Amino acid sequence: MRFLVLTACVAVLSAACRVEAPERSQAEERAQSTGYRGILLADANARPDFVLTDMNGEAFDFRAETEGKLALLFFGYTYCPDVCPVHMASIAAVKRDLSVDEQRRMRVVFVTADPRRDTPERLIAWLGNFDPDFVGLRGTEAEVDSIMLGLALPAAIRDTASGPDYAVGHASQVIAFPPGDGFRVIYPFGTRQADWKHDLARLLNP
């Protein structure tokens, strides 16, 4: 019952774990109208300006570190049963098919919404299962929630009262910031590898 309530709360803006995948036709219709299979947000503000700590204990300035690159930003947690590993696996699989130059011009940044359990060591191991170049960031719960709210995402809901295996309700979309900024593209849970392949090529080579 507690998990059902948790999921319902987060679903108001964007689903937590165990969300339904978008219809395939919706992505194809978007591509016909905007050129992207993700959800295009035109005239968006510049990429966010925040500093968190990376897996090596170093300060990571998101705007400075991703300036001039395609940045894929996602908020999740390593104990997530489905949304987080599916997103990371899909992006990693498509990234491997890109040219070396294209791979160098993109950064995948995973911000944990569960810093209590997601230690630097766990982030290194978990992200390394997908791609060793993926960046994992940590901050306080308040810091991470503030960044999410600034991006019009709901703050995380951490059900810590249920014990050590608690669930975390979090936004389920990846946000893509193209090299030149000016717009964003949102990728909900259920985005297929074919959709990523279509859009990454366009985002990296406008």
N, C-alpha and C. Protein backbone atom coordinates (compact mmCIF):
# COMPACT_ATOMS: atom_id res chain seq x y z
N MET A 1 0.83 -1.20 0.00
CA MET A 1 0.00 0.00 0.00
C MET A 1 0.86 1.25 0.00
N ARG A 2 1.94 1.24 0.81
CA ARG A 2 2.81 2.42 0.89
C ARG A 2 3.42 2.73 -0.46
N PHE A 3 3.86 1.67 -1.19
CA PHE A 3 4.49 1.91 -2.49
C PHE A 3 3.48 2.42 -3.51
N LEU A 4 2.24 1.96 -3.43
CA LEU A 4 1.22 2.44 -4.35
C LEU A 4 0.95 3.92 -4.15
N VAL A 5 0.92 4.34 -2.91
CA VAL A 5 0.72 5.77 -2.62
C VAL A 5 1.90 6.57 -3.12
N LEU A 6 3.10 6.04 -2.89
CA LEU A 6 4.32 6.70 -3.34
C LEU A 6 4.29 6.92 -4.85
N THR A 7 3.94 5.88 -5.59
CA THR A 7 3.91 5.98 -7.05
C THR A 7 2.85 6.96 -7.52
N ALA A 8 1.72 6.94 -6.89
CA ALA A 8 0.64 7.84 -7.29
C ALA A 8 1.02 9.29 -7.11
N CYS A 9 1.75 9.58 -6.05
CA CYS A 9 2.14 10.97 -5.78
C CYS A 9 3.07 11.49 -6.87
N VAL A 10 4.07 10.70 -7.23
CA VAL A 10 5.04 11.17 -8.20
C VAL A 10 4.45 11.22 -9.60
N ALA A 11 3.47 10.40 -9.86
CA ALA A 11 2.89 10.32 -11.21
C ALA A 11 2.17 11.58 -11.63
N VAL A 12 1.96 12.51 -10.72
CA VAL A 12 1.25 13.74 -11.08
C VAL A 12 2.02 14.50 -12.15
N LEU A 13 3.34 14.61 -12.00
CA LEU A 13 4.13 15.31 -13.00
C LEU A 13 4.85 14.37 -13.94
N SER A 14 5.50 13.36 -13.37
CA SER A 14 6.19 12.37 -14.19
C SER A 14 6.27 11.11 -13.36
N ALA A 15 6.17 10.01 -14.02
CA ALA A 15 6.00 8.76 -13.29
C ALA A 15 7.25 8.36 -12.54
N ALA A 16 7.06 7.60 -11.47
CA ALA A 16 8.17 7.01 -10.74
C ALA A 16 8.48 5.68 -11.39
N CYS A 17 9.00 4.72 -10.64
CA CYS A 17 9.29 3.42 -11.20
C CYS A 17 7.99 2.72 -11.59
N ARG A 18 8.10 1.80 -12.53
CA ARG A 18 6.97 1.01 -13.01
C ARG A 18 5.93 1.87 -13.74
N VAL A 19 6.42 2.65 -14.71
CA VAL A 19 5.49 3.45 -15.50
C VAL A 19 5.26 2.79 -16.85
N GLU A 20 4.15 3.14 -17.48
CA GLU A 20 3.84 2.57 -18.78
C GLU A 20 4.69 3.23 -19.86
N ALA A 21 5.17 2.46 -20.79
CA ALA A 21 5.97 2.99 -21.89
C ALA A 21 5.08 3.78 -22.83
N PRO A 22 5.61 4.86 -23.44
CA PRO A 22 4.80 5.65 -24.38
C PRO A 22 4.50 4.84 -25.63
N GLU A 23 3.44 5.19 -26.30
CA GLU A 23 3.08 4.51 -27.53
C GLU A 23 4.13 4.80 -28.60
N ARG A 24 4.48 3.77 -29.35
CA ARG A 24 5.49 3.92 -30.39
C ARG A 24 5.08 4.98 -31.41
N SER A 25 3.80 5.02 -31.71
CA SER A 25 3.32 5.97 -32.71
C SER A 25 3.53 7.42 -32.27
N GLN A 26 3.51 7.67 -30.97
CA GLN A 26 3.70 9.03 -30.48
C GLN A 26 5.09 9.54 -30.83
N ALA A 27 6.10 8.71 -30.64
CA ALA A 27 7.47 9.11 -30.95
C ALA A 27 7.62 9.37 -32.45
N GLU A 28 7.00 8.53 -33.26
CA GLU A 28 7.09 8.71 -34.70
C GLU A 28 6.36 9.96 -35.16
N GLU A 29 5.24 10.26 -34.53
CA GLU A 29 4.50 11.48 -34.86
C GLU A 29 5.31 12.72 -34.48
N ARG A 30 5.98 12.65 -33.32
CA ARG A 30 6.81 13.79 -32.92
C ARG A 30 7.94 14.02 -33.90
N ALA A 31 8.54 12.94 -34.38
CA ALA A 31 9.64 13.08 -35.32
C ALA A 31 9.18 13.76 -36.61
N GLN A 32 7.98 13.47 -37.03
CA GLN A 32 7.46 14.08 -38.24
C GLN A 32 7.22 15.58 -38.07
N SER A 33 6.86 16.00 -36.86
CA SER A 33 6.54 17.41 -36.64
C SER A 33 7.72 18.24 -36.15
N THR A 34 8.63 17.63 -35.38
CA THR A 34 9.74 18.40 -34.80
C THR A 34 11.11 17.92 -35.23
N GLY A 35 11.19 16.72 -35.78
CA GLY A 35 12.49 16.15 -36.15
C GLY A 35 13.08 15.27 -35.06
N TYR A 36 12.46 15.29 -33.88
CA TYR A 36 12.95 14.49 -32.76
C TYR A 36 11.87 13.53 -32.28
N ARG A 37 12.29 12.34 -31.91
CA ARG A 37 11.33 11.38 -31.36
C ARG A 37 11.09 11.62 -29.87
N GLY A 38 11.99 12.34 -29.25
CA GLY A 38 11.75 12.80 -27.88
C GLY A 38 10.81 13.99 -27.91
N ILE A 39 10.54 14.54 -26.73
CA ILE A 39 9.61 15.67 -26.60
C ILE A 39 10.41 16.97 -26.64
N LEU A 40 10.28 17.72 -27.71
CA LEU A 40 11.05 18.95 -27.89
C LEU A 40 10.47 20.08 -27.07
N LEU A 41 11.34 20.75 -26.30
CA LEU A 41 10.98 21.97 -25.59
C LEU A 41 11.76 23.11 -26.23
N ALA A 42 11.10 23.84 -27.10
CA ALA A 42 11.77 24.92 -27.82
C ALA A 42 11.95 26.14 -26.92
N ASP A 43 12.94 26.94 -27.25
CA ASP A 43 13.21 28.19 -26.52
C ASP A 43 13.39 27.96 -25.03
N ALA A 44 14.03 26.86 -24.67
CA ALA A 44 14.28 26.56 -23.25
C ALA A 44 15.47 27.35 -22.75
N ASN A 45 15.54 27.50 -21.43
CA ASN A 45 16.68 28.18 -20.83
C ASN A 45 17.96 27.38 -21.03
N ALA A 46 19.08 28.02 -20.76
CA ALA A 46 20.36 27.33 -20.87
C ALA A 46 20.42 26.18 -19.88
N ARG A 47 21.34 25.27 -20.11
CA ARG A 47 21.48 24.13 -19.21
C ARG A 47 21.70 24.62 -17.78
N PRO A 48 21.26 23.87 -16.79
CA PRO A 48 21.33 24.34 -15.41
C PRO A 48 22.77 24.51 -14.93
N ASP A 49 22.91 25.38 -13.96
CA ASP A 49 24.22 25.69 -13.40
C ASP A 49 24.24 25.18 -11.96
N PHE A 50 24.81 24.02 -11.76
CA PHE A 50 24.91 23.47 -10.40
C PHE A 50 26.22 22.72 -10.24
N VAL A 51 26.64 22.58 -9.00
CA VAL A 51 27.88 21.87 -8.68
C VAL A 51 27.56 20.79 -7.64
N LEU A 52 27.90 19.56 -7.97
CA LEU A 52 27.75 18.44 -7.05
C LEU A 52 29.09 17.70 -6.98
N THR A 53 29.13 16.62 -6.23
CA THR A 53 30.37 15.86 -6.07
C THR A 53 30.34 14.60 -6.92
N ASP A 54 31.41 14.38 -7.68
CA ASP A 54 31.43 13.20 -8.53
C ASP A 54 31.88 11.96 -7.75
N MET A 55 32.01 10.85 -8.43
CA MET A 55 32.31 9.58 -7.79
C MET A 55 33.72 9.52 -7.21
N ASN A 56 34.58 10.44 -7.66
CA ASN A 56 35.95 10.48 -7.16
C ASN A 56 36.13 11.53 -6.07
N GLY A 57 35.02 12.12 -5.63
CA GLY A 57 35.10 13.10 -4.56
C GLY A 57 35.45 14.50 -5.04
N GLU A 58 35.43 14.71 -6.36
CA GLU A 58 35.77 16.01 -6.92
C GLU A 58 34.51 16.81 -7.24
N ALA A 59 34.63 18.13 -7.17
CA ALA A 59 33.50 18.99 -7.53
C ALA A 59 33.25 18.89 -9.04
N PHE A 60 31.99 18.75 -9.41
CA PHE A 60 31.61 18.66 -10.82
C PHE A 60 30.63 19.78 -11.12
N ASP A 61 31.10 20.75 -11.91
CA ASP A 61 30.28 21.88 -12.33
C ASP A 61 29.56 21.47 -13.62
N PHE A 62 28.28 21.20 -13.52
CA PHE A 62 27.55 20.64 -14.66
C PHE A 62 27.65 21.52 -15.89
N ARG A 63 27.40 22.80 -15.74
CA ARG A 63 27.42 23.67 -16.92
C ARG A 63 28.81 23.74 -17.53
N ALA A 64 29.83 23.93 -16.71
CA ALA A 64 31.18 24.06 -17.22
C ALA A 64 31.68 22.75 -17.83
N GLU A 65 31.38 21.63 -17.19
CA GLU A 65 31.88 20.34 -17.65
C GLU A 65 31.19 19.84 -18.92
N THR A 66 30.00 20.34 -19.18
CA THR A 66 29.26 19.87 -20.36
C THR A 66 29.11 20.93 -21.43
N GLU A 67 29.70 22.09 -21.22
CA GLU A 67 29.59 23.19 -22.18
C GLU A 67 30.07 22.74 -23.56
N GLY A 68 29.27 23.02 -24.59
CA GLY A 68 29.65 22.67 -25.94
C GLY A 68 29.47 21.20 -26.28
N LYS A 69 28.91 20.44 -25.37
CA LYS A 69 28.69 19.01 -25.59
C LYS A 69 27.20 18.70 -25.50
N LEU A 70 26.83 17.55 -26.00
CA LEU A 70 25.49 17.03 -25.77
C LEU A 70 25.49 16.41 -24.38
N ALA A 71 24.64 16.90 -23.50
CA ALA A 71 24.56 16.38 -22.13
C ALA A 71 23.22 15.69 -21.93
N LEU A 72 23.27 14.46 -21.45
CA LEU A 72 22.07 13.71 -21.08
C LEU A 72 22.04 13.63 -19.56
N LEU A 73 21.03 14.25 -18.96
CA LEU A 73 20.94 14.35 -17.51
C LEU A 73 19.77 13.53 -17.00
N PHE A 74 20.05 12.70 -15.98
CA PHE A 74 19.00 11.84 -15.43
C PHE A 74 19.15 11.77 -13.92
N PHE A 75 18.01 11.82 -13.22
CA PHE A 75 17.97 11.70 -11.76
C PHE A 75 17.34 10.36 -11.41
N GLY A 76 18.05 9.55 -10.65
CA GLY A 76 17.51 8.24 -10.28
C GLY A 76 18.24 7.68 -9.08
N TYR A 77 18.24 6.36 -8.97
CA TYR A 77 18.98 5.72 -7.88
C TYR A 77 19.33 4.29 -8.27
N THR A 78 20.43 3.80 -7.74
CA THR A 78 20.97 2.53 -8.21
C THR A 78 20.15 1.32 -7.76
N TYR A 79 19.31 1.48 -6.75
CA TYR A 79 18.46 0.38 -6.30
C TYR A 79 17.13 0.35 -7.07
N CYS A 80 16.96 1.23 -8.02
CA CYS A 80 15.74 1.29 -8.82
C CYS A 80 15.57 -0.03 -9.57
N PRO A 81 14.38 -0.63 -9.52
CA PRO A 81 14.20 -1.94 -10.13
C PRO A 81 14.04 -1.96 -11.64
N ASP A 82 13.72 -0.82 -12.25
CA ASP A 82 13.42 -0.89 -13.67
C ASP A 82 13.76 0.36 -14.46
N VAL A 83 13.23 1.51 -14.11
CA VAL A 83 13.40 2.71 -14.93
C VAL A 83 14.87 3.06 -15.12
N CYS A 84 15.61 3.14 -14.05
CA CYS A 84 17.01 3.60 -14.12
C CYS A 84 17.90 2.66 -14.92
N PRO A 85 17.90 1.36 -14.62
CA PRO A 85 18.76 0.48 -15.42
C PRO A 85 18.36 0.39 -16.88
N VAL A 86 17.07 0.48 -17.17
CA VAL A 86 16.63 0.43 -18.57
C VAL A 86 17.13 1.66 -19.33
N HIS A 87 16.97 2.85 -18.75
CA HIS A 87 17.47 4.07 -19.39
C HIS A 87 18.97 3.97 -19.64
N MET A 88 19.74 3.61 -18.60
CA MET A 88 21.19 3.58 -18.73
C MET A 88 21.64 2.54 -19.74
N ALA A 89 21.00 1.37 -19.74
CA ALA A 89 21.37 0.32 -20.68
C ALA A 89 21.07 0.73 -22.12
N SER A 90 19.94 1.38 -22.34
CA SER A 90 19.57 1.81 -23.69
C SER A 90 20.54 2.85 -24.22
N ILE A 91 20.85 3.83 -23.39
CA ILE A 91 21.79 4.88 -23.83
C ILE A 91 23.16 4.29 -24.09
N ALA A 92 23.62 3.41 -23.20
CA ALA A 92 24.94 2.81 -23.37
C ALA A 92 25.03 2.01 -24.66
N ALA A 93 23.98 1.26 -24.97
CA ALA A 93 23.99 0.43 -26.17
C ALA A 93 24.09 1.29 -27.43
N VAL A 94 23.34 2.38 -27.46
CA VAL A 94 23.36 3.25 -28.64
C VAL A 94 24.67 4.04 -28.70
N LYS A 95 25.18 4.44 -27.57
CA LYS A 95 26.43 5.20 -27.53
C LYS A 95 27.58 4.39 -28.13
N ARG A 96 27.58 3.09 -27.91
CA ARG A 96 28.65 2.25 -28.43
C ARG A 96 28.69 2.23 -29.95
N ASP A 97 27.56 2.53 -30.58
CA ASP A 97 27.50 2.54 -32.04
C ASP A 97 27.90 3.89 -32.65
N LEU A 98 28.12 4.88 -31.81
CA LEU A 98 28.53 6.19 -32.31
C LEU A 98 30.02 6.18 -32.64
N SER A 99 30.43 7.14 -33.43
CA SER A 99 31.86 7.27 -33.73
C SER A 99 32.61 7.72 -32.48
N VAL A 100 33.90 7.54 -32.48
CA VAL A 100 34.72 7.96 -31.33
C VAL A 100 34.56 9.46 -31.10
N ASP A 101 34.56 10.23 -32.17
CA ASP A 101 34.39 11.68 -32.05
C ASP A 101 33.05 12.04 -31.44
N GLU A 102 31.98 11.36 -31.88
CA GLU A 102 30.65 11.64 -31.35
C GLU A 102 30.57 11.28 -29.86
N GLN A 103 31.18 10.17 -29.48
CA GLN A 103 31.17 9.78 -28.08
C GLN A 103 31.89 10.81 -27.21
N ARG A 104 32.94 11.39 -27.74
CA ARG A 104 33.69 12.40 -26.98
C ARG A 104 32.89 13.69 -26.83
N ARG A 105 31.93 13.91 -27.71
CA ARG A 105 31.15 15.14 -27.68
C ARG A 105 29.85 15.00 -26.91
N MET A 106 29.73 13.95 -26.10
CA MET A 106 28.53 13.81 -25.27
C MET A 106 28.91 13.37 -23.86
N ARG A 107 28.10 13.78 -22.89
CA ARG A 107 28.30 13.38 -21.50
C ARG A 107 26.97 12.87 -20.96
N VAL A 108 27.03 11.73 -20.32
CA VAL A 108 25.86 11.16 -19.66
C VAL A 108 26.06 11.34 -18.17
N VAL A 109 25.16 12.09 -17.54
CA VAL A 109 25.31 12.44 -16.13
C VAL A 109 24.13 11.88 -15.34
N PHE A 110 24.44 11.04 -14.38
CA PHE A 110 23.45 10.41 -13.52
C PHE A 110 23.57 11.03 -12.12
N VAL A 111 22.50 11.66 -11.66
CA VAL A 111 22.49 12.27 -10.34
C VAL A 111 21.64 11.40 -9.42
N THR A 112 22.22 10.91 -8.35
CA THR A 112 21.46 10.04 -7.47
C THR A 112 20.48 10.84 -6.62
N ALA A 113 19.27 10.35 -6.54
CA ALA A 113 18.25 10.93 -5.67
C ALA A 113 18.24 10.20 -4.33
N ASP A 114 19.20 9.29 -4.14
CA ASP A 114 19.26 8.46 -2.94
C ASP A 114 20.69 8.43 -2.39
N PRO A 115 21.21 9.60 -1.97
CA PRO A 115 22.61 9.63 -1.51
C PRO A 115 22.87 8.82 -0.24
N ARG A 116 21.82 8.46 0.50
CA ARG A 116 22.03 7.65 1.71
C ARG A 116 22.63 6.29 1.37
N ARG A 117 22.16 5.70 0.28
CA ARG A 117 22.64 4.37 -0.09
C ARG A 117 23.61 4.38 -1.27
N ASP A 118 23.49 5.38 -2.11
CA ASP A 118 24.35 5.44 -3.30
C ASP A 118 25.68 6.10 -2.97
N THR A 119 26.57 5.30 -2.41
CA THR A 119 27.91 5.77 -2.09
C THR A 119 28.72 5.95 -3.37
N PRO A 120 29.84 6.65 -3.31
CA PRO A 120 30.67 6.77 -4.51
C PRO A 120 31.07 5.41 -5.07
N GLU A 121 31.41 4.48 -4.18
CA GLU A 121 31.83 3.15 -4.63
C GLU A 121 30.69 2.42 -5.36
N ARG A 122 29.49 2.56 -4.83
CA ARG A 122 28.36 1.90 -5.48
C ARG A 122 28.06 2.54 -6.83
N LEU A 123 28.14 3.86 -6.91
CA LEU A 123 27.91 4.54 -8.19
C LEU A 123 28.93 4.10 -9.24
N ILE A 124 30.18 3.99 -8.84
CA ILE A 124 31.23 3.56 -9.77
C ILE A 124 30.92 2.17 -10.31
N ALA A 125 30.56 1.26 -9.40
CA ALA A 125 30.30 -0.11 -9.81
C ALA A 125 29.04 -0.21 -10.66
N TRP A 126 27.98 0.48 -10.24
CA TRP A 126 26.70 0.37 -10.94
C TRP A 126 26.78 0.99 -12.32
N LEU A 127 27.29 2.21 -12.42
CA LEU A 127 27.39 2.86 -13.72
C LEU A 127 28.40 2.15 -14.61
N GLY A 128 29.43 1.57 -14.00
CA GLY A 128 30.43 0.84 -14.78
C GLY A 128 29.86 -0.36 -15.49
N ASN A 129 28.76 -0.88 -14.98
CA ASN A 129 28.10 -1.99 -15.66
C ASN A 129 27.54 -1.58 -17.01
N PHE A 130 27.29 -0.30 -17.17
CA PHE A 130 26.72 0.21 -18.41
C PHE A 130 27.79 0.86 -19.29
N ASP A 131 28.50 1.82 -18.71
CA ASP A 131 29.54 2.53 -19.45
C ASP A 131 30.45 3.22 -18.43
N PRO A 132 31.74 2.93 -18.45
CA PRO A 132 32.65 3.54 -17.47
C PRO A 132 32.80 5.04 -17.59
N ASP A 133 32.35 5.60 -18.73
CA ASP A 133 32.44 7.05 -18.91
C ASP A 133 31.22 7.79 -18.38
N PHE A 134 30.18 7.07 -17.98
CA PHE A 134 29.03 7.74 -17.39
C PHE A 134 29.45 8.39 -16.08
N VAL A 135 28.96 9.59 -15.85
CA VAL A 135 29.34 10.36 -14.65
C VAL A 135 28.24 10.22 -13.59
N GLY A 136 28.63 9.86 -12.39
CA GLY A 136 27.70 9.78 -11.27
C GLY A 136 27.94 10.92 -10.30
N LEU A 137 26.88 11.60 -9.89
CA LEU A 137 27.00 12.75 -9.00
C LEU A 137 26.18 12.53 -7.74
N ARG A 138 26.68 13.09 -6.64
CA ARG A 138 26.00 13.03 -5.36
C ARG A 138 25.91 14.43 -4.75
N GLY A 139 24.86 14.64 -3.98
CA GLY A 139 24.69 15.87 -3.21
C GLY A 139 23.77 15.53 -2.06
N THR A 140 23.45 16.49 -1.25
CA THR A 140 22.47 16.23 -0.21
C THR A 140 21.10 16.06 -0.85
N GLU A 141 20.18 15.44 -0.12
CA GLU A 141 18.83 15.29 -0.65
C GLU A 141 18.23 16.65 -0.98
N ALA A 142 18.48 17.63 -0.13
CA ALA A 142 17.95 18.97 -0.36
C ALA A 142 18.53 19.59 -1.62
N GLU A 143 19.83 19.41 -1.84
CA GLU A 143 20.47 19.96 -3.03
C GLU A 143 19.91 19.34 -4.31
N VAL A 144 19.78 18.03 -4.30
CA VAL A 144 19.28 17.34 -5.48
C VAL A 144 17.83 17.70 -5.76
N ASP A 145 17.02 17.76 -4.70
CA ASP A 145 15.61 18.14 -4.89
C ASP A 145 15.50 19.55 -5.46
N SER A 146 16.35 20.45 -4.99
CA SER A 146 16.32 21.82 -5.48
C SER A 146 16.65 21.89 -6.97
N ILE A 147 17.61 21.09 -7.41
CA ILE A 147 17.97 21.07 -8.83
C ILE A 147 16.82 20.53 -9.65
N MET A 148 16.19 19.45 -9.17
CA MET A 148 15.06 18.88 -9.90
C MET A 148 13.90 19.88 -10.01
N LEU A 149 13.60 20.54 -8.92
CA LEU A 149 12.51 21.52 -8.95
C LEU A 149 12.83 22.65 -9.92
N GLY A 150 14.11 23.04 -10.00
CA GLY A 150 14.51 24.08 -10.94
C GLY A 150 14.35 23.68 -12.39
N LEU A 151 14.29 22.37 -12.62
CA LEU A 151 14.10 21.85 -13.97
C LEU A 151 12.64 21.46 -14.22
N ALA A 152 11.76 21.91 -13.34
CA ALA A 152 10.33 21.61 -13.44
C ALA A 152 10.04 20.12 -13.26
N LEU A 153 10.90 19.44 -12.52
CA LEU A 153 10.68 18.04 -12.16
C LEU A 153 10.23 17.98 -10.70
N PRO A 154 9.46 16.97 -10.32
CA PRO A 154 9.05 16.86 -8.93
C PRO A 154 10.23 16.43 -8.05
N ALA A 155 10.25 16.88 -6.83
CA ALA A 155 11.26 16.43 -5.88
C ALA A 155 11.06 14.94 -5.62
N ALA A 156 12.14 14.26 -5.24
CA ALA A 156 12.06 12.83 -4.97
C ALA A 156 11.23 12.56 -3.72
N ILE A 157 10.59 11.41 -3.71
CA ILE A 157 9.85 10.95 -2.53
C ILE A 157 10.57 9.72 -2.01
N ARG A 158 11.16 9.82 -0.84
CA ARG A 158 11.96 8.74 -0.28
C ARG A 158 11.19 8.09 0.86
N ASP A 159 10.81 6.86 0.67
CA ASP A 159 9.97 6.13 1.62
C ASP A 159 10.82 5.43 2.67
N THR A 160 11.67 6.20 3.35
CA THR A 160 12.63 5.62 4.28
C THR A 160 11.98 4.96 5.49
N ALA A 161 10.73 5.29 5.78
CA ALA A 161 10.06 4.70 6.94
C ALA A 161 9.78 3.21 6.74
N SER A 162 9.87 2.73 5.49
CA SER A 162 9.56 1.33 5.22
C SER A 162 10.73 0.40 5.47
N GLY A 163 11.89 0.95 5.88
CA GLY A 163 13.04 0.11 6.17
C GLY A 163 14.17 0.33 5.18
N PRO A 164 15.24 -0.46 5.30
CA PRO A 164 16.44 -0.23 4.47
C PRO A 164 16.24 -0.48 2.99
N ASP A 165 15.21 -1.22 2.62
CA ASP A 165 14.95 -1.49 1.21
C ASP A 165 13.89 -0.56 0.64
N TYR A 166 13.88 0.69 1.12
CA TYR A 166 12.84 1.64 0.74
C TYR A 166 12.91 1.98 -0.75
N ALA A 167 11.75 2.40 -1.27
CA ALA A 167 11.66 2.85 -2.66
C ALA A 167 11.83 4.37 -2.72
N VAL A 168 12.24 4.84 -3.87
CA VAL A 168 12.38 6.28 -4.12
C VAL A 168 11.54 6.63 -5.34
N GLY A 169 10.57 7.49 -5.15
CA GLY A 169 9.79 8.00 -6.29
C GLY A 169 10.57 9.14 -6.92
N HIS A 170 10.78 9.07 -8.23
CA HIS A 170 11.60 10.09 -8.89
C HIS A 170 11.13 10.29 -10.32
N ALA A 171 11.50 11.40 -10.89
CA ALA A 171 11.16 11.68 -12.29
C ALA A 171 11.78 10.61 -13.18
N SER A 172 11.06 10.22 -14.21
CA SER A 172 11.51 9.08 -15.02
C SER A 172 12.07 9.48 -16.38
N GLN A 173 12.27 10.77 -16.62
CA GLN A 173 12.72 11.19 -17.94
C GLN A 173 14.19 11.62 -17.95
N VAL A 174 14.83 11.39 -19.07
CA VAL A 174 16.18 11.90 -19.33
C VAL A 174 16.03 13.22 -20.06
N ILE A 175 16.82 14.21 -19.66
CA ILE A 175 16.78 15.52 -20.32
C ILE A 175 18.04 15.68 -21.16
N ALA A 176 17.86 15.97 -22.43
CA ALA A 176 18.99 16.18 -23.34
C ALA A 176 19.20 17.67 -23.58
N PHE A 177 20.43 18.13 -23.37
CA PHE A 177 20.81 19.52 -23.63
C PHE A 177 21.78 19.50 -24.81
N PRO A 178 21.39 20.03 -25.96
CA PRO A 178 22.26 19.99 -27.13
C PRO A 178 23.47 20.89 -26.97
N PRO A 179 24.50 20.72 -27.77
CA PRO A 179 25.74 21.49 -27.63
C PRO A 179 25.53 23.00 -27.59
N GLY A 180 24.62 23.51 -28.40
CA GLY A 180 24.43 24.96 -28.45
C GLY A 180 23.34 25.49 -27.55
N ASP A 181 22.72 24.62 -26.74
CA ASP A 181 21.59 25.01 -25.90
C ASP A 181 20.47 25.60 -26.77
N GLY A 182 19.58 26.38 -26.16
CA GLY A 182 18.48 26.98 -26.91
C GLY A 182 17.22 26.14 -26.90
N PHE A 183 17.36 24.84 -26.68
CA PHE A 183 16.20 23.96 -26.56
C PHE A 183 16.60 22.72 -25.78
N ARG A 184 15.61 21.95 -25.38
CA ARG A 184 15.85 20.69 -24.69
C ARG A 184 14.97 19.63 -25.32
N VAL A 185 15.36 18.38 -25.13
CA VAL A 185 14.52 17.27 -25.59
C VAL A 185 14.37 16.31 -24.42
N ILE A 186 13.13 15.93 -24.15
CA ILE A 186 12.81 15.07 -23.02
C ILE A 186 12.55 13.65 -23.51
N TYR A 187 13.13 12.67 -22.81
CA TYR A 187 12.96 11.27 -23.18
C TYR A 187 12.34 10.51 -22.01
N PRO A 188 11.07 10.16 -22.12
CA PRO A 188 10.39 9.45 -21.04
C PRO A 188 10.81 8.00 -20.97
N PHE A 189 10.47 7.36 -19.87
CA PHE A 189 10.72 5.93 -19.75
C PHE A 189 9.95 5.20 -20.85
N GLY A 190 10.60 4.24 -21.46
CA GLY A 190 9.99 3.53 -22.58
C GLY A 190 10.57 3.96 -23.91
N THR A 191 11.44 5.00 -23.90
CA THR A 191 12.11 5.40 -25.14
C THR A 191 12.93 4.23 -25.66
N ARG A 192 12.70 3.85 -26.91
CA ARG A 192 13.37 2.70 -27.50
C ARG A 192 14.78 3.06 -27.97
N GLN A 193 15.62 2.04 -28.11
CA GLN A 193 16.96 2.28 -28.62
C GLN A 193 16.91 2.87 -30.02
N ALA A 194 15.93 2.48 -30.81
CA ALA A 194 15.80 3.06 -32.15
C ALA A 194 15.53 4.55 -32.08
N ASP A 195 14.76 4.98 -31.06
CA ASP A 195 14.49 6.40 -30.89
C ASP A 195 15.75 7.14 -30.46
N TRP A 196 16.51 6.55 -29.54
CA TRP A 196 17.77 7.16 -29.12
C TRP A 196 18.72 7.29 -30.31
N LYS A 197 18.83 6.23 -31.10
CA LYS A 197 19.74 6.25 -32.24
C LYS A 197 19.35 7.35 -33.21
N HIS A 198 18.06 7.50 -33.47
CA HIS A 198 17.58 8.54 -34.37
C HIS A 198 17.91 9.93 -33.84
N ASP A 199 17.65 10.17 -32.56
CA ASP A 199 17.79 11.52 -32.02
C ASP A 199 19.23 11.88 -31.67
N LEU A 200 20.01 10.94 -31.19
CA LEU A 200 21.39 11.29 -30.84
C LEU A 200 22.17 11.74 -32.06
N ALA A 201 21.95 11.10 -33.17
CA ALA A 201 22.65 11.51 -34.40
C ALA A 201 22.29 12.96 -34.75
N ARG A 202 21.03 13.30 -34.59
CA ARG A 202 20.57 14.65 -34.92
C ARG A 202 21.08 15.67 -33.89
N LEU A 203 21.06 15.30 -32.61
CA LEU A 203 21.50 16.21 -31.56
C LEU A 203 23.00 16.48 -31.64
N LEU A 204 23.76 15.47 -32.02
CA LEU A 204 25.22 15.64 -32.12
C LEU A 204 25.65 16.30 -33.41
N ASN A 205 24.82 16.20 -34.44
CA ASN A 205 25.19 16.75 -35.75
C ASN A 205 24.03 17.58 -36.31
N PRO A 206 23.75 18.72 -35.66
CA PRO A 206 22.61 19.56 -36.10
C PRO A 206 22.82 20.13 -37.49
